[in-house]
N, C-alpha and C. Protein backbone atom coordinates (compact mmCIF):
# COMPACT_ATOMS: atom_id res chain seq x y z
N MET A 1 0.85 -1.12 -0.02
CA MET A 1 0.03 0.05 0.03
C MET A 1 0.84 1.21 0.05
N LEU A 2 0.35 2.30 -0.46
CA LEU A 2 1.03 3.61 -0.64
C LEU A 2 1.86 4.06 0.65
N PHE A 3 1.20 3.99 1.77
CA PHE A 3 1.92 4.56 3.02
C PHE A 3 2.98 3.58 3.43
N ASP A 4 2.92 2.37 3.15
CA ASP A 4 3.99 1.47 3.44
C ASP A 4 5.17 1.71 2.59
N THR A 5 4.93 2.14 1.33
CA THR A 5 6.10 2.55 0.46
C THR A 5 6.69 3.84 1.12
N TYR A 6 5.84 4.76 1.48
CA TYR A 6 6.30 6.09 2.10
C TYR A 6 7.22 5.67 3.29
N ASP A 7 6.68 4.86 4.16
CA ASP A 7 7.36 4.46 5.37
C ASP A 7 8.78 3.79 5.00
N GLU A 8 8.89 2.93 4.09
CA GLU A 8 10.09 2.41 3.59
C GLU A 8 11.08 3.42 3.17
N LYS A 9 10.65 4.53 2.52
CA LYS A 9 11.51 5.65 2.08
C LYS A 9 11.64 6.71 3.13
N GLN A 10 11.29 6.37 4.38
CA GLN A 10 11.51 7.29 5.53
C GLN A 10 10.81 8.62 5.36
N LEU A 11 9.61 8.60 4.67
CA LEU A 11 8.90 9.82 4.39
C LEU A 11 7.75 9.99 5.49
N LEU A 12 7.59 9.13 6.30
CA LEU A 12 6.62 9.20 7.50
C LEU A 12 7.43 9.23 8.74
N ILE A 13 7.20 10.18 9.56
CA ILE A 13 7.79 10.22 10.84
C ILE A 13 6.90 10.52 12.04
N ASN A 14 7.28 10.32 13.19
CA ASN A 14 6.46 10.55 14.35
C ASN A 14 5.02 10.03 14.10
N ILE A 15 4.95 8.76 13.76
CA ILE A 15 3.78 8.11 13.33
C ILE A 15 2.84 7.85 14.54
N ASN A 16 1.59 8.38 14.40
CA ASN A 16 0.57 8.14 15.42
C ASN A 16 -0.09 6.76 15.06
N PHE A 17 -0.46 6.62 13.81
CA PHE A 17 -0.77 5.33 13.22
C PHE A 17 -0.80 5.27 11.76
N LYS A 18 -0.68 4.14 11.21
CA LYS A 18 -0.71 3.81 9.78
C LYS A 18 -1.49 2.56 9.66
N ALA A 19 -2.72 2.56 9.25
CA ALA A 19 -3.50 1.27 9.33
C ALA A 19 -4.51 1.31 8.27
N ALA A 20 -4.96 0.01 7.95
CA ALA A 20 -6.01 -0.18 6.95
C ALA A 20 -7.32 0.27 7.53
N ALA A 21 -8.16 0.93 6.77
CA ALA A 21 -9.58 1.25 7.22
C ALA A 21 -10.40 0.10 6.92
N ASP A 22 -11.63 0.22 7.49
CA ASP A 22 -12.69 -0.91 7.23
C ASP A 22 -13.06 -0.94 5.83
N THR A 23 -12.91 0.15 5.07
CA THR A 23 -13.34 0.31 3.77
C THR A 23 -12.13 -0.34 2.88
N ALA A 24 -12.61 -1.19 1.91
CA ALA A 24 -11.58 -1.82 1.07
C ALA A 24 -10.52 -0.92 0.41
N GLU A 25 -9.26 -1.35 0.43
CA GLU A 25 -8.23 -0.62 -0.31
C GLU A 25 -7.94 0.71 0.27
N MET A 26 -8.52 1.05 1.43
CA MET A 26 -8.09 2.42 2.09
C MET A 26 -7.26 2.23 3.32
N GLN A 27 -6.37 3.22 3.37
CA GLN A 27 -5.39 3.14 4.56
C GLN A 27 -5.28 4.60 4.97
N GLY A 28 -5.29 4.65 6.35
CA GLY A 28 -5.30 6.05 7.03
C GLY A 28 -3.88 6.27 7.68
N PHE A 29 -3.53 7.44 7.91
CA PHE A 29 -2.29 7.68 8.47
C PHE A 29 -2.40 9.05 9.15
N ARG A 30 -1.86 9.12 10.45
CA ARG A 30 -1.67 10.45 11.09
C ARG A 30 -0.27 10.41 11.75
N GLY A 31 0.41 11.48 11.57
CA GLY A 31 1.73 11.63 11.91
C GLY A 31 2.39 12.90 11.22
N GLU A 32 3.69 12.84 10.80
CA GLU A 32 4.26 13.85 10.02
C GLU A 32 4.75 13.26 8.66
N LEU A 33 4.47 14.09 7.65
CA LEU A 33 4.95 13.70 6.25
C LEU A 33 6.09 14.55 5.91
N VAL A 34 7.06 13.91 5.49
CA VAL A 34 8.35 14.63 5.07
C VAL A 34 8.15 15.33 3.70
N LEU A 35 8.50 16.66 3.77
CA LEU A 35 8.55 17.49 2.60
C LEU A 35 9.95 17.65 2.05
N ILE A 36 10.85 18.01 2.92
CA ILE A 36 12.18 18.16 2.53
C ILE A 36 13.07 17.19 3.39
N GLU A 37 13.66 16.25 2.74
CA GLU A 37 14.45 15.31 3.47
C GLU A 37 15.80 15.85 4.01
N GLY A 38 16.15 15.26 5.18
CA GLY A 38 17.50 15.60 5.60
C GLY A 38 18.59 14.82 4.94
N GLU A 39 19.86 15.23 5.08
CA GLU A 39 20.92 14.63 4.40
C GLU A 39 21.10 13.20 4.99
N VAL A 40 21.74 12.41 4.10
CA VAL A 40 22.06 11.02 4.45
C VAL A 40 23.14 11.15 5.53
N ALA A 41 22.95 10.45 6.75
CA ALA A 41 23.79 10.59 7.80
C ALA A 41 24.94 9.65 7.92
N ASP A 42 24.63 8.33 7.38
CA ASP A 42 25.62 7.30 7.43
C ASP A 42 25.56 6.32 6.37
N ALA A 43 26.52 5.40 6.36
CA ALA A 43 26.54 4.41 5.26
C ALA A 43 25.35 3.47 5.15
N MET A 44 24.62 3.40 6.24
CA MET A 44 23.37 2.60 6.33
C MET A 44 22.20 3.25 5.67
N GLY A 45 22.37 4.54 5.31
CA GLY A 45 21.35 5.25 4.51
C GLY A 45 20.33 6.06 5.36
N ARG A 46 20.60 6.05 6.69
CA ARG A 46 19.74 6.82 7.68
C ARG A 46 19.96 8.21 7.43
N ARG A 47 18.92 8.91 7.59
CA ARG A 47 18.85 10.42 7.36
C ARG A 47 18.91 11.21 8.58
N LYS A 48 19.42 12.48 8.49
CA LYS A 48 19.26 13.50 9.55
C LYS A 48 17.85 13.91 9.46
N PRO A 49 17.48 14.61 10.58
CA PRO A 49 16.04 15.14 10.51
C PRO A 49 15.76 15.84 9.34
N PRO A 50 14.50 15.82 8.98
CA PRO A 50 14.05 16.53 7.64
C PRO A 50 14.06 18.10 7.85
N HIS A 51 14.24 18.75 6.82
CA HIS A 51 14.25 20.21 6.80
C HIS A 51 12.84 20.80 6.72
N GLY A 52 11.88 20.03 6.27
CA GLY A 52 10.39 20.42 6.13
C GLY A 52 9.61 19.21 6.27
N VAL A 53 8.39 19.54 7.05
CA VAL A 53 7.45 18.50 7.17
C VAL A 53 6.15 19.11 7.19
N LEU A 54 5.09 18.24 6.77
CA LEU A 54 3.60 18.58 7.10
C LEU A 54 3.41 18.05 8.32
N ARG A 55 3.15 19.01 9.33
CA ARG A 55 2.98 18.57 10.75
C ARG A 55 1.44 18.11 10.92
N ASN A 56 1.18 17.33 11.90
CA ASN A 56 -0.08 16.85 12.25
C ASN A 56 -0.85 16.29 10.99
N ALA A 57 -0.16 15.66 10.14
CA ALA A 57 -0.71 15.13 8.89
C ALA A 57 -1.72 14.16 9.11
N VAL A 58 -2.91 14.19 8.27
CA VAL A 58 -3.91 13.24 8.22
C VAL A 58 -4.06 12.93 6.78
N LEU A 59 -3.79 11.69 6.49
CA LEU A 59 -3.86 11.25 5.14
C LEU A 59 -4.73 10.07 4.89
N LEU A 60 -5.37 9.97 3.76
CA LEU A 60 -6.19 8.75 3.45
C LEU A 60 -5.77 8.39 2.11
N SER A 61 -5.34 7.03 1.91
CA SER A 61 -5.07 6.55 0.55
C SER A 61 -6.25 5.56 0.11
N ALA A 62 -6.45 5.61 -1.21
CA ALA A 62 -7.32 4.57 -1.83
C ALA A 62 -6.50 3.95 -2.91
N GLY A 63 -6.07 2.68 -2.58
CA GLY A 63 -5.19 1.93 -3.47
C GLY A 63 -3.82 2.63 -3.36
N ASP A 64 -3.37 3.11 -4.56
CA ASP A 64 -2.09 3.73 -4.61
C ASP A 64 -2.14 5.24 -4.81
N ARG A 65 -3.23 5.91 -4.39
CA ARG A 65 -3.42 7.26 -4.54
C ARG A 65 -3.83 7.89 -3.23
N ILE A 66 -3.43 9.12 -3.08
CA ILE A 66 -3.80 9.93 -1.85
C ILE A 66 -5.22 10.53 -2.12
N GLN A 67 -6.13 10.13 -1.39
CA GLN A 67 -7.53 10.51 -1.55
C GLN A 67 -7.77 11.91 -0.72
N PHE A 68 -7.16 11.98 0.48
CA PHE A 68 -7.46 13.10 1.23
C PHE A 68 -6.02 13.51 2.00
N ILE A 69 -5.90 14.81 2.19
CA ILE A 69 -4.70 15.28 2.76
C ILE A 69 -5.00 16.43 3.72
N CYS A 70 -4.62 16.48 4.86
CA CYS A 70 -4.76 17.68 5.74
C CYS A 70 -3.50 17.65 6.54
N GLY A 71 -3.22 18.79 7.19
CA GLY A 71 -2.00 18.95 8.00
C GLY A 71 -1.71 20.44 8.18
N CYS A 72 -0.54 20.71 8.83
CA CYS A 72 -0.16 22.11 9.16
C CYS A 72 1.16 22.41 8.52
N LEU A 73 1.11 23.45 7.75
CA LEU A 73 2.50 23.98 7.01
C LEU A 73 2.88 25.18 7.91
N ASP A 74 4.14 25.28 8.06
CA ASP A 74 4.64 26.36 8.80
C ASP A 74 4.59 27.63 7.94
N ARG A 75 4.84 27.47 6.68
CA ARG A 75 4.79 28.55 5.67
C ARG A 75 4.13 28.27 4.45
N LEU A 76 3.52 29.22 3.86
CA LEU A 76 2.68 28.96 2.56
C LEU A 76 3.70 28.55 1.53
N ASP A 77 5.00 29.00 1.52
CA ASP A 77 5.84 28.63 0.37
C ASP A 77 6.21 27.13 0.44
N ARG A 78 5.73 26.36 1.43
CA ARG A 78 5.90 24.93 1.51
C ARG A 78 4.81 24.16 0.66
N LEU A 79 3.76 24.81 0.35
CA LEU A 79 2.68 24.17 -0.56
C LEU A 79 3.24 23.80 -1.86
N PRO A 80 3.97 24.47 -2.63
CA PRO A 80 4.65 23.99 -3.88
C PRO A 80 5.54 22.73 -3.58
N VAL A 81 6.17 22.81 -2.59
CA VAL A 81 7.05 21.64 -2.18
C VAL A 81 6.37 20.38 -2.00
N LEU A 82 5.25 20.55 -1.21
CA LEU A 82 4.35 19.36 -1.00
C LEU A 82 3.79 18.83 -2.31
N VAL A 83 3.36 19.78 -3.13
CA VAL A 83 2.71 19.44 -4.50
C VAL A 83 3.79 18.72 -5.29
N GLU A 84 4.85 19.29 -5.40
CA GLU A 84 5.90 18.66 -6.31
C GLU A 84 6.35 17.39 -5.88
N LYS A 85 6.58 17.14 -4.66
CA LYS A 85 7.00 15.95 -4.10
C LYS A 85 5.94 14.66 -4.16
N TYR A 86 4.66 15.08 -4.05
CA TYR A 86 3.64 13.94 -3.92
C TYR A 86 2.58 13.98 -5.06
N LYS A 87 2.65 14.95 -5.99
CA LYS A 87 1.57 15.09 -6.97
C LYS A 87 1.43 13.87 -7.78
N ALA A 88 2.36 13.02 -8.04
CA ALA A 88 2.23 11.80 -8.83
C ALA A 88 1.30 10.89 -8.11
N ASP A 89 1.12 10.97 -6.69
CA ASP A 89 0.19 10.10 -5.96
C ASP A 89 -1.20 10.73 -5.70
N PHE A 90 -1.36 11.83 -6.19
CA PHE A 90 -2.69 12.59 -5.91
C PHE A 90 -3.81 11.86 -6.70
N ALA A 91 -4.96 11.49 -6.05
CA ALA A 91 -6.12 10.94 -6.74
C ALA A 91 -6.64 12.10 -7.49
N THR A 92 -7.40 11.91 -8.65
CA THR A 92 -7.88 12.89 -9.53
C THR A 92 -8.90 13.73 -8.64
N ASP A 93 -9.59 13.14 -7.68
CA ASP A 93 -10.66 13.85 -6.81
C ASP A 93 -10.12 14.03 -5.46
N MET A 94 -8.91 14.21 -5.27
CA MET A 94 -8.34 14.30 -3.92
C MET A 94 -8.83 15.58 -3.26
N GLY A 95 -9.16 15.41 -1.89
CA GLY A 95 -9.53 16.56 -1.06
C GLY A 95 -8.33 17.02 -0.35
N ALA A 96 -8.25 18.44 -0.12
CA ALA A 96 -7.13 18.86 0.61
C ALA A 96 -7.41 20.13 1.42
N MET A 97 -7.22 19.96 2.74
CA MET A 97 -7.42 21.18 3.68
C MET A 97 -6.27 21.24 4.47
N LEU A 98 -5.51 22.43 4.29
CA LEU A 98 -4.24 22.56 5.04
C LEU A 98 -4.30 23.80 5.91
N PHE A 99 -3.78 23.69 7.05
CA PHE A 99 -3.66 24.82 7.98
C PHE A 99 -2.30 25.35 7.85
N VAL A 100 -2.13 26.74 7.66
CA VAL A 100 -0.90 27.38 7.38
C VAL A 100 -0.63 28.50 8.43
N VAL A 101 0.50 28.44 9.12
CA VAL A 101 0.86 29.22 10.19
C VAL A 101 0.92 30.71 9.81
N ASN A 102 1.56 31.00 8.56
CA ASN A 102 1.94 32.34 8.27
C ASN A 102 0.90 33.01 7.28
N ILE A 103 -0.37 32.48 7.19
CA ILE A 103 -1.25 33.21 6.38
C ILE A 103 -2.26 33.94 7.27
N THR A 104 -2.83 34.99 6.68
CA THR A 104 -3.64 35.99 7.62
C THR A 104 -5.11 35.81 7.37
N GLN A 105 -5.55 35.03 6.40
CA GLN A 105 -6.87 34.88 6.12
C GLN A 105 -7.24 33.53 5.39
N PRO A 106 -8.35 32.92 5.47
CA PRO A 106 -8.70 31.72 4.79
C PRO A 106 -8.72 32.02 3.28
N MET A 107 -8.22 31.05 2.47
CA MET A 107 -8.14 31.05 1.01
C MET A 107 -8.25 29.72 0.45
N GLN A 108 -8.39 29.73 -0.94
CA GLN A 108 -8.31 28.45 -1.61
C GLN A 108 -7.28 28.75 -2.75
N VAL A 109 -6.41 27.60 -2.98
CA VAL A 109 -5.38 27.85 -4.13
C VAL A 109 -5.46 26.50 -4.86
N GLU A 110 -5.52 26.61 -6.18
CA GLU A 110 -5.55 25.45 -7.08
C GLU A 110 -4.15 25.20 -7.52
N MET A 111 -3.62 23.99 -7.35
CA MET A 111 -2.33 23.57 -7.88
C MET A 111 -2.47 22.16 -8.47
N GLU A 112 -1.92 21.88 -9.64
CA GLU A 112 -1.90 20.62 -10.21
C GLU A 112 -3.30 19.97 -10.22
N GLY A 113 -4.42 20.82 -10.50
CA GLY A 113 -5.80 20.29 -10.52
C GLY A 113 -6.39 20.03 -9.16
N VAL A 114 -5.72 20.32 -8.18
CA VAL A 114 -6.28 20.19 -6.83
C VAL A 114 -6.58 21.44 -6.11
N ASN A 115 -7.79 21.58 -5.49
CA ASN A 115 -8.22 22.76 -4.80
C ASN A 115 -7.84 22.59 -3.33
N PHE A 116 -6.81 23.33 -2.99
CA PHE A 116 -6.27 23.35 -1.52
C PHE A 116 -7.06 24.46 -0.72
N VAL A 117 -7.81 23.96 0.24
CA VAL A 117 -8.39 24.93 1.13
C VAL A 117 -7.36 25.22 2.14
N LEU A 118 -6.99 26.47 2.37
CA LEU A 118 -5.97 26.89 3.34
C LEU A 118 -6.53 27.91 4.44
N LEU A 119 -6.30 27.45 5.59
CA LEU A 119 -6.87 28.18 6.73
C LEU A 119 -5.69 28.52 7.76
N PRO A 120 -5.80 29.74 8.37
CA PRO A 120 -4.76 30.21 9.23
C PRO A 120 -4.74 29.36 10.52
N LEU A 121 -3.62 29.08 11.17
CA LEU A 121 -3.49 28.30 12.40
C LEU A 121 -2.16 28.59 12.96
N VAL A 122 -2.20 29.35 14.18
CA VAL A 122 -1.03 29.67 14.87
C VAL A 122 -0.86 28.73 15.97
N GLU A 123 -1.94 28.29 16.59
CA GLU A 123 -1.86 27.25 17.66
C GLU A 123 -2.94 26.30 17.47
N GLY A 124 -2.75 25.12 17.95
CA GLY A 124 -3.72 24.07 17.75
C GLY A 124 -3.17 22.87 17.09
N ILE A 125 -4.06 21.96 16.90
CA ILE A 125 -3.72 20.63 16.21
C ILE A 125 -4.66 20.39 14.98
N ALA A 126 -4.01 20.21 13.93
CA ALA A 126 -4.73 20.09 12.58
C ALA A 126 -5.97 19.23 12.73
N TRP A 127 -5.81 17.98 13.36
CA TRP A 127 -7.01 17.02 13.44
C TRP A 127 -8.09 17.76 14.16
N ASN A 128 -7.92 18.38 15.27
CA ASN A 128 -8.96 19.09 16.04
C ASN A 128 -9.66 20.12 15.24
N GLU A 129 -8.81 20.93 14.50
CA GLU A 129 -9.39 22.02 13.76
C GLU A 129 -10.12 21.54 12.58
N LEU A 130 -9.71 20.43 11.96
CA LEU A 130 -10.35 19.86 10.86
C LEU A 130 -11.72 19.28 11.33
N VAL A 131 -11.77 18.60 12.27
CA VAL A 131 -13.11 18.14 12.80
C VAL A 131 -13.93 19.24 13.14
N ASP A 132 -13.43 20.33 13.82
CA ASP A 132 -14.30 21.43 14.13
C ASP A 132 -14.85 22.19 12.72
N GLU A 133 -13.93 22.28 11.81
CA GLU A 133 -14.28 22.98 10.52
C GLU A 133 -15.42 22.25 9.80
N LEU A 134 -15.30 20.93 9.90
CA LEU A 134 -16.37 20.10 9.17
C LEU A 134 -17.67 19.95 9.96
N GLY A 135 -17.64 20.36 11.30
CA GLY A 135 -18.75 20.31 12.06
C GLY A 135 -19.11 18.93 12.65
N LEU A 136 -18.04 18.13 12.79
CA LEU A 136 -18.08 16.81 13.28
C LEU A 136 -18.01 16.85 14.85
N ASP A 137 -18.44 15.75 15.56
CA ASP A 137 -18.19 15.70 16.94
C ASP A 137 -17.85 14.25 17.37
N LYS A 138 -17.64 14.04 18.72
CA LYS A 138 -17.23 12.65 19.18
C LYS A 138 -18.17 11.61 18.75
N ALA A 139 -19.45 11.90 18.68
CA ALA A 139 -20.53 10.91 18.40
C ALA A 139 -20.37 10.36 16.94
N ASP A 140 -19.80 11.21 16.12
CA ASP A 140 -19.61 10.87 14.65
C ASP A 140 -18.57 9.72 14.54
N PHE A 141 -17.73 9.62 15.48
CA PHE A 141 -16.63 8.72 15.40
C PHE A 141 -16.77 7.49 16.36
N LYS A 142 -17.88 7.31 16.95
CA LYS A 142 -18.12 6.35 18.03
C LYS A 142 -17.88 4.97 17.50
N GLY A 143 -17.04 4.14 18.14
CA GLY A 143 -16.66 2.83 17.69
C GLY A 143 -15.80 2.52 16.56
N GLN A 144 -15.31 3.64 16.02
CA GLN A 144 -14.59 3.53 14.79
C GLN A 144 -13.08 3.30 15.09
N SER A 145 -12.36 2.61 14.32
CA SER A 145 -10.93 2.52 14.38
C SER A 145 -10.31 3.82 13.94
N SER A 146 -9.08 4.07 14.31
CA SER A 146 -8.42 5.30 13.93
C SER A 146 -8.41 5.58 12.38
N ALA A 147 -8.16 4.54 11.74
CA ALA A 147 -8.20 4.76 10.11
C ALA A 147 -9.65 4.92 9.70
N GLN A 148 -10.53 4.35 10.24
CA GLN A 148 -12.03 4.59 9.92
C GLN A 148 -12.36 6.00 10.15
N LYS A 149 -11.95 6.60 11.26
CA LYS A 149 -12.22 8.01 11.54
C LYS A 149 -11.75 8.95 10.43
N VAL A 150 -10.60 8.63 9.80
CA VAL A 150 -10.17 9.39 8.68
C VAL A 150 -11.13 9.34 7.41
N VAL A 151 -11.65 8.07 7.30
CA VAL A 151 -12.60 7.81 6.25
C VAL A 151 -13.90 8.72 6.49
N THR A 152 -14.31 8.78 7.75
CA THR A 152 -15.46 9.54 8.06
C THR A 152 -15.24 10.97 7.83
N VAL A 153 -14.07 11.52 8.14
CA VAL A 153 -13.66 12.84 7.89
C VAL A 153 -13.71 13.11 6.34
N TRP A 154 -13.20 12.23 5.56
CA TRP A 154 -13.07 12.35 4.04
C TRP A 154 -14.54 12.36 3.50
N ASN A 155 -15.36 11.44 4.10
CA ASN A 155 -16.76 11.55 3.54
C ASN A 155 -17.50 12.79 3.87
N GLU A 156 -17.26 13.42 5.03
CA GLU A 156 -17.79 14.69 5.35
C GLU A 156 -17.22 15.80 4.46
N PHE A 157 -15.95 15.73 4.27
CA PHE A 157 -15.17 16.72 3.45
C PHE A 157 -15.69 16.79 2.01
N LYS A 158 -16.19 15.71 1.48
CA LYS A 158 -16.74 15.65 0.13
C LYS A 158 -17.88 16.68 -0.03
N SER A 159 -18.64 17.03 1.00
CA SER A 159 -19.68 17.89 0.80
C SER A 159 -19.38 19.35 1.40
N TYR A 160 -18.13 19.51 1.93
CA TYR A 160 -17.65 20.71 2.47
C TYR A 160 -17.47 21.68 1.24
N LYS A 161 -18.03 22.91 1.50
CA LYS A 161 -17.81 24.06 0.56
C LYS A 161 -17.12 25.20 1.19
N SER A 162 -15.92 25.46 1.01
CA SER A 162 -15.26 26.63 1.56
C SER A 162 -15.77 28.02 0.91
N LYS A 163 -15.98 28.92 1.83
CA LYS A 163 -16.39 30.30 1.31
C LYS A 163 -15.30 31.21 1.07
N ALA A 164 -14.09 30.71 1.27
CA ALA A 164 -12.89 31.55 1.11
C ALA A 164 -12.66 31.78 -0.29
N GLU A 165 -11.98 32.97 -0.59
CA GLU A 165 -11.64 33.43 -1.93
C GLU A 165 -10.59 32.48 -2.63
N VAL A 166 -10.86 32.22 -3.84
CA VAL A 166 -9.98 31.42 -4.69
C VAL A 166 -8.88 32.38 -5.23
N LEU A 167 -7.63 32.03 -4.95
CA LEU A 167 -6.50 32.83 -5.36
C LEU A 167 -5.54 32.06 -6.16
N SER A 168 -4.69 32.72 -6.99
CA SER A 168 -3.52 32.14 -7.49
C SER A 168 -2.55 32.04 -6.37
N PHE A 169 -1.47 31.15 -6.55
CA PHE A 169 -0.53 31.01 -5.54
C PHE A 169 0.16 32.37 -5.31
N ASP A 170 0.47 33.01 -6.36
CA ASP A 170 1.23 34.24 -6.30
C ASP A 170 0.41 35.33 -5.52
N ALA A 171 -0.87 35.40 -5.89
CA ALA A 171 -1.78 36.28 -5.10
C ALA A 171 -1.88 35.96 -3.60
N ALA A 172 -1.92 34.67 -3.26
CA ALA A 172 -1.98 34.25 -1.92
C ALA A 172 -0.79 34.71 -1.09
N GLY A 173 0.28 34.86 -1.75
CA GLY A 173 1.41 35.40 -0.99
C GLY A 173 1.32 36.74 -0.42
N ALA A 174 0.34 37.56 -0.90
CA ALA A 174 0.21 38.88 -0.30
C ALA A 174 -0.51 38.79 1.03
N PHE A 175 -1.02 37.73 1.36
CA PHE A 175 -1.73 37.49 2.63
C PHE A 175 -0.99 36.63 3.61
N THR A 176 0.35 36.84 3.60
CA THR A 176 1.20 36.18 4.54
C THR A 176 1.85 37.22 5.54
N ALA A 177 2.20 36.67 6.64
CA ALA A 177 2.81 37.60 7.63
C ALA A 177 3.94 36.80 8.33
N ASP A 178 4.78 37.48 9.13
CA ASP A 178 5.80 36.80 9.88
C ASP A 178 5.25 36.25 11.04
N LEU A 179 4.50 35.21 10.99
CA LEU A 179 3.91 34.52 12.18
C LEU A 179 4.65 33.22 12.43
N LYS A 180 4.79 32.96 13.77
CA LYS A 180 5.42 31.62 14.17
C LYS A 180 4.33 30.87 14.87
N ARG A 181 4.56 29.53 14.77
CA ARG A 181 3.59 28.62 15.55
C ARG A 181 3.91 28.75 17.02
N GLU A 182 2.81 28.89 17.79
CA GLU A 182 2.91 29.01 19.15
C GLU A 182 3.00 27.64 19.78
N GLY A 183 3.94 27.30 20.61
CA GLY A 183 4.04 26.00 21.21
C GLY A 183 3.97 26.13 22.82
N TYR A 184 3.47 25.06 23.31
CA TYR A 184 3.34 24.92 24.76
C TYR A 184 4.07 23.66 25.14
N GLY A 185 4.64 23.78 26.29
CA GLY A 185 5.36 22.64 26.82
C GLY A 185 5.65 22.73 28.27
N ALA A 186 6.51 21.91 28.79
CA ALA A 186 6.79 21.96 30.16
C ALA A 186 7.59 23.29 30.40
N VAL A 187 7.41 23.91 31.50
CA VAL A 187 8.03 25.13 32.02
C VAL A 187 9.12 24.90 32.92
């Protein structure tokens, strides 16, 4: 399956889960998706930490294609990097909602035939924000496996219509600011 191939290539890190869904040929993933790989660290082929990732990634594959993608980008300029690296695996009807730290307003950007819904997010977790944006709650996921929850999100996303303005990637750049992700941890 597609995510097994990504795992072998060390493109999946900080894996929360990678599992088959109850629906045939579908696999869900939550964790981080590597956008810019680190340098090879040793003769065994192990790599240094990546230089760019899609944080809090939520992915759904159908066969050998990415059906749905969600996660958090630190900067808008990482969107073309994501598209370039993974576009060969995009399903023709792939859904995409990305949270971007340095954008100042919701927007939509089309790249490689995919409409990317982009929402600002300085703090929070992409999964929680996604579930809220789609209007889902805990009852919608009752009794489901982790991967099946991603299928539920995908099914809800299919009827989601963003009201955000559709912009070219170049025009979207005008709505960025020098914002950094807020992190919380032990004091």
